[in-house]
Amino acid sequence: MTTASTSQVRQNYHQDSEAALNRQINLELYASYVYLSMSYYLDRDDVALKNFAKYFLHQSHEEREHLQNQRSGRIFLQDIKKPDCDDWESGL
């Protein structure tokens, strides 16, 4: 039986590779968070760009799929940085 900190798919996985993959996973989470922020902003009644909102919501889901498809020995999640912008002004 394995413990929570070991991976059944990990075999001779170099520590630097694992760290790089974890950085990539955290970047994918950040990108998903930014796209989600854009989607919610564009879906507001006073902005009303529903198709842009749907597009960015789809992009947010796609970024999360990317990170789920990447395998690592262990994942070390970091704090997700808040997007630099909250007021996107337009879909472009």
N, C-alpha and C. Protein backbone atom coordinates (compact mmCIF):
# COMPACT_ATOMS: atom_id res chain seq x y z
N MET A 1 0.85 -1.18 0.00
CA MET A 1 0.00 0.00 0.00
C MET A 1 0.89 1.24 0.00
N THR A 2 0.52 2.25 -0.78
CA THR A 2 1.34 3.45 -0.87
C THR A 2 0.80 4.54 0.04
N THR A 3 1.68 5.45 0.41
CA THR A 3 1.26 6.58 1.23
C THR A 3 0.83 7.72 0.32
N ALA A 4 0.26 8.76 0.90
CA ALA A 4 -0.24 9.90 0.12
C ALA A 4 0.88 10.66 -0.58
N SER A 5 2.10 10.60 -0.07
CA SER A 5 3.18 11.40 -0.66
C SER A 5 3.94 10.68 -1.76
N THR A 6 3.63 9.42 -2.01
CA THR A 6 4.31 8.70 -3.09
C THR A 6 3.36 8.54 -4.27
N SER A 7 3.94 8.40 -5.44
CA SER A 7 3.16 8.26 -6.65
C SER A 7 3.36 6.88 -7.24
N GLN A 8 2.31 6.29 -7.73
CA GLN A 8 2.41 4.98 -8.36
C GLN A 8 2.99 5.08 -9.76
N VAL A 9 2.95 6.27 -10.39
CA VAL A 9 3.46 6.42 -11.76
C VAL A 9 4.89 6.96 -11.78
N ARG A 10 5.42 7.31 -10.65
CA ARG A 10 6.75 7.92 -10.58
C ARG A 10 7.83 6.84 -10.62
N GLN A 11 8.72 6.94 -11.62
CA GLN A 11 9.85 6.03 -11.71
C GLN A 11 11.05 6.82 -12.19
N ASN A 12 12.07 6.91 -11.36
CA ASN A 12 13.29 7.63 -11.71
C ASN A 12 13.01 9.02 -12.26
N TYR A 13 12.13 9.73 -11.62
CA TYR A 13 11.72 11.05 -12.06
C TYR A 13 12.63 12.07 -11.39
N HIS A 14 13.42 12.78 -12.17
CA HIS A 14 14.39 13.71 -11.61
C HIS A 14 13.68 14.84 -10.87
N GLN A 15 14.26 15.24 -9.76
CA GLN A 15 13.67 16.27 -8.91
C GLN A 15 13.48 17.60 -9.65
N ASP A 16 14.42 17.97 -10.51
CA ASP A 16 14.29 19.21 -11.28
C ASP A 16 13.12 19.13 -12.27
N SER A 17 12.93 17.97 -12.86
CA SER A 17 11.80 17.79 -13.79
C SER A 17 10.48 17.90 -13.05
N GLU A 18 10.42 17.30 -11.89
CA GLU A 18 9.21 17.38 -11.09
C GLU A 18 8.92 18.82 -10.68
N ALA A 19 9.94 19.56 -10.30
CA ALA A 19 9.76 20.97 -9.91
C ALA A 19 9.29 21.80 -11.10
N ALA A 20 9.87 21.56 -12.28
CA ALA A 20 9.46 22.30 -13.48
C ALA A 20 8.01 22.00 -13.84
N LEU A 21 7.63 20.75 -13.72
CA LEU A 21 6.26 20.37 -14.03
C LEU A 21 5.28 21.00 -13.04
N ASN A 22 5.67 21.07 -11.79
CA ASN A 22 4.81 21.72 -10.79
C ASN A 22 4.68 23.21 -11.06
N ARG A 23 5.76 23.86 -11.52
CA ARG A 23 5.66 25.28 -11.89
C ARG A 23 4.69 25.45 -13.06
N GLN A 24 4.78 24.55 -14.04
CA GLN A 24 3.88 24.60 -15.19
C GLN A 24 2.43 24.42 -14.76
N ILE A 25 2.19 23.48 -13.87
CA ILE A 25 0.83 23.25 -13.37
C ILE A 25 0.29 24.50 -12.69
N ASN A 26 1.12 25.15 -11.89
CA ASN A 26 0.68 26.37 -11.22
C ASN A 26 0.43 27.50 -12.21
N LEU A 27 1.20 27.57 -13.29
CA LEU A 27 0.94 28.56 -14.34
C LEU A 27 -0.39 28.27 -15.05
N GLU A 28 -0.68 27.01 -15.27
CA GLU A 28 -1.96 26.64 -15.88
C GLU A 28 -3.13 27.05 -14.97
N LEU A 29 -2.97 26.87 -13.67
CA LEU A 29 -4.00 27.31 -12.73
C LEU A 29 -4.18 28.82 -12.77
N TYR A 30 -3.08 29.56 -12.83
CA TYR A 30 -3.16 31.02 -12.91
C TYR A 30 -3.88 31.44 -14.19
N ALA A 31 -3.53 30.84 -15.32
CA ALA A 31 -4.17 31.17 -16.59
C ALA A 31 -5.68 30.88 -16.51
N SER A 32 -6.04 29.77 -15.92
CA SER A 32 -7.45 29.43 -15.76
C SER A 32 -8.16 30.49 -14.92
N TYR A 33 -7.50 30.95 -13.88
CA TYR A 33 -8.05 31.96 -12.98
C TYR A 33 -8.25 33.29 -13.72
N VAL A 34 -7.31 33.68 -14.56
CA VAL A 34 -7.42 34.92 -15.34
C VAL A 34 -8.59 34.81 -16.32
N TYR A 35 -8.66 33.69 -17.05
CA TYR A 35 -9.76 33.50 -18.00
C TYR A 35 -11.11 33.50 -17.29
N LEU A 36 -11.18 32.91 -16.12
CA LEU A 36 -12.42 32.89 -15.36
C LEU A 36 -12.81 34.31 -14.94
N SER A 37 -11.85 35.10 -14.51
CA SER A 37 -12.10 36.49 -14.15
C SER A 37 -12.63 37.27 -15.35
N MET A 38 -12.01 37.06 -16.51
CA MET A 38 -12.47 37.74 -17.73
C MET A 38 -13.89 37.31 -18.08
N SER A 39 -14.17 36.03 -17.98
CA SER A 39 -15.50 35.53 -18.29
C SER A 39 -16.56 36.16 -17.40
N TYR A 40 -16.29 36.19 -16.10
CA TYR A 40 -17.27 36.77 -15.17
C TYR A 40 -17.47 38.26 -15.43
N TYR A 41 -16.40 38.97 -15.74
CA TYR A 41 -16.52 40.39 -16.03
C TYR A 41 -17.39 40.60 -17.28
N LEU A 42 -17.10 39.85 -18.34
CA LEU A 42 -17.80 40.04 -19.61
C LEU A 42 -19.25 39.55 -19.56
N ASP A 43 -19.58 38.76 -18.57
CA ASP A 43 -20.94 38.25 -18.41
C ASP A 43 -21.82 39.18 -17.57
N ARG A 44 -21.25 40.23 -17.03
CA ARG A 44 -22.04 41.17 -16.21
C ARG A 44 -23.10 41.85 -17.08
N ASP A 45 -24.21 42.24 -16.46
CA ASP A 45 -25.29 42.89 -17.19
C ASP A 45 -24.88 44.23 -17.79
N ASP A 46 -23.99 44.96 -17.11
CA ASP A 46 -23.57 46.26 -17.63
C ASP A 46 -22.51 46.15 -18.72
N VAL A 47 -21.96 44.97 -18.95
CA VAL A 47 -20.98 44.75 -20.02
C VAL A 47 -21.65 43.99 -21.16
N ALA A 48 -22.34 42.92 -20.83
CA ALA A 48 -23.18 42.16 -21.75
C ALA A 48 -22.47 41.69 -23.02
N LEU A 49 -21.32 41.07 -22.86
CA LEU A 49 -20.64 40.44 -23.99
C LEU A 49 -20.67 38.93 -23.76
N LYS A 50 -21.86 38.36 -23.87
CA LYS A 50 -22.11 36.97 -23.49
C LYS A 50 -21.26 35.97 -24.28
N ASN A 51 -21.08 36.20 -25.58
CA ASN A 51 -20.29 35.25 -26.36
C ASN A 51 -18.81 35.29 -25.99
N PHE A 52 -18.29 36.48 -25.69
CA PHE A 52 -16.92 36.57 -25.19
C PHE A 52 -16.82 35.85 -23.84
N ALA A 53 -17.83 36.05 -22.99
CA ALA A 53 -17.84 35.40 -21.68
C ALA A 53 -17.81 33.88 -21.83
N LYS A 54 -18.60 33.35 -22.74
CA LYS A 54 -18.61 31.90 -22.97
C LYS A 54 -17.26 31.41 -23.48
N TYR A 55 -16.65 32.19 -24.37
CA TYR A 55 -15.34 31.82 -24.91
C TYR A 55 -14.29 31.73 -23.79
N PHE A 56 -14.23 32.76 -22.93
CA PHE A 56 -13.22 32.77 -21.87
C PHE A 56 -13.52 31.73 -20.79
N LEU A 57 -14.79 31.43 -20.57
CA LEU A 57 -15.12 30.35 -19.64
C LEU A 57 -14.61 29.01 -20.19
N HIS A 58 -14.79 28.81 -21.50
CA HIS A 58 -14.27 27.60 -22.14
C HIS A 58 -12.74 27.54 -22.01
N GLN A 59 -12.07 28.67 -22.22
CA GLN A 59 -10.61 28.71 -22.10
C GLN A 59 -10.17 28.37 -20.67
N SER A 60 -10.92 28.85 -19.69
CA SER A 60 -10.61 28.54 -18.29
C SER A 60 -10.67 27.03 -18.05
N HIS A 61 -11.73 26.40 -18.55
CA HIS A 61 -11.86 24.95 -18.40
C HIS A 61 -10.73 24.22 -19.12
N GLU A 62 -10.36 24.72 -20.29
CA GLU A 62 -9.30 24.08 -21.07
C GLU A 62 -7.96 24.14 -20.34
N GLU A 63 -7.66 25.26 -19.69
CA GLU A 63 -6.41 25.37 -18.92
C GLU A 63 -6.39 24.35 -17.79
N ARG A 64 -7.52 24.15 -17.13
CA ARG A 64 -7.57 23.16 -16.06
C ARG A 64 -7.40 21.75 -16.61
N GLU A 65 -7.91 21.50 -17.81
CA GLU A 65 -7.69 20.19 -18.44
C GLU A 65 -6.21 19.97 -18.73
N HIS A 66 -5.51 21.02 -19.16
CA HIS A 66 -4.07 20.90 -19.42
C HIS A 66 -3.35 20.44 -18.16
N LEU A 67 -3.64 21.07 -17.05
CA LEU A 67 -2.91 20.72 -15.83
C LEU A 67 -3.28 19.33 -15.35
N GLN A 68 -4.50 18.90 -15.59
CA GLN A 68 -4.90 17.56 -15.16
C GLN A 68 -4.25 16.48 -16.01
N ASN A 69 -3.87 16.82 -17.23
CA ASN A 69 -3.24 15.85 -18.12
C ASN A 69 -1.74 15.72 -17.89
N GLN A 70 -1.16 16.61 -17.10
CA GLN A 70 0.27 16.56 -16.83
C GLN A 70 0.51 15.72 -15.59
N ARG A 71 1.43 14.79 -15.70
CA ARG A 71 1.67 13.88 -14.58
C ARG A 71 2.95 14.26 -13.86
N SER A 72 2.88 14.09 -12.58
CA SER A 72 4.03 14.39 -11.74
C SER A 72 4.04 13.41 -10.58
N GLY A 73 5.18 13.31 -9.95
CA GLY A 73 5.26 12.46 -8.77
C GLY A 73 4.38 12.99 -7.65
N ARG A 74 4.55 14.24 -7.34
CA ARG A 74 3.74 14.91 -6.32
C ARG A 74 3.45 16.32 -6.81
N ILE A 75 2.30 16.82 -6.47
CA ILE A 75 1.98 18.19 -6.85
C ILE A 75 2.10 19.08 -5.62
N PHE A 76 2.74 20.21 -5.80
CA PHE A 76 2.89 21.20 -4.75
C PHE A 76 2.21 22.47 -5.23
N LEU A 77 0.97 22.67 -4.79
CA LEU A 77 0.22 23.84 -5.22
C LEU A 77 0.71 25.07 -4.48
N GLN A 78 0.84 26.15 -5.22
CA GLN A 78 1.23 27.42 -4.65
C GLN A 78 0.00 28.31 -4.58
N ASP A 79 0.12 29.44 -3.90
CA ASP A 79 -0.96 30.41 -3.91
C ASP A 79 -1.15 30.89 -5.34
N ILE A 80 -2.40 31.02 -5.75
CA ILE A 80 -2.68 31.51 -7.09
C ILE A 80 -2.77 33.03 -7.01
N LYS A 81 -1.92 33.69 -7.78
CA LYS A 81 -1.87 35.14 -7.78
C LYS A 81 -3.16 35.70 -8.38
N LYS A 82 -3.67 36.75 -7.77
CA LYS A 82 -4.85 37.44 -8.29
C LYS A 82 -4.49 38.07 -9.63
N PRO A 83 -5.40 38.01 -10.62
CA PRO A 83 -5.11 38.68 -11.90
C PRO A 83 -4.82 40.16 -11.68
N ASP A 84 -3.91 40.69 -12.48
CA ASP A 84 -3.52 42.09 -12.35
C ASP A 84 -4.65 43.05 -12.68
N CYS A 85 -5.61 42.57 -13.45
CA CYS A 85 -6.70 43.42 -13.92
C CYS A 85 -8.03 42.83 -13.49
N ASP A 86 -8.94 43.69 -13.01
CA ASP A 86 -10.30 43.26 -12.69
C ASP A 86 -11.32 43.86 -13.66
N ASP A 87 -10.95 44.97 -14.28
CA ASP A 87 -11.85 45.69 -15.18
C ASP A 87 -11.30 45.54 -16.59
N TRP A 88 -11.83 44.59 -17.32
CA TRP A 88 -11.25 44.22 -18.62
C TRP A 88 -11.66 45.15 -19.74
N GLU A 89 -12.69 45.97 -19.55
CA GLU A 89 -13.15 47.01 -20.48
C GLU A 89 -13.73 46.48 -21.78
N SER A 90 -13.17 45.45 -22.37
CA SER A 90 -13.72 44.89 -23.60
C SER A 90 -13.24 43.46 -23.75
N GLY A 91 -13.73 42.80 -24.76
CA GLY A 91 -13.32 41.43 -25.02
C GLY A 91 -12.06 41.32 -25.84
N LEU A 92 -11.52 42.44 -26.25
CA LEU A 92 -10.33 42.42 -27.11
C LEU A 92 -9.06 42.66 -26.34
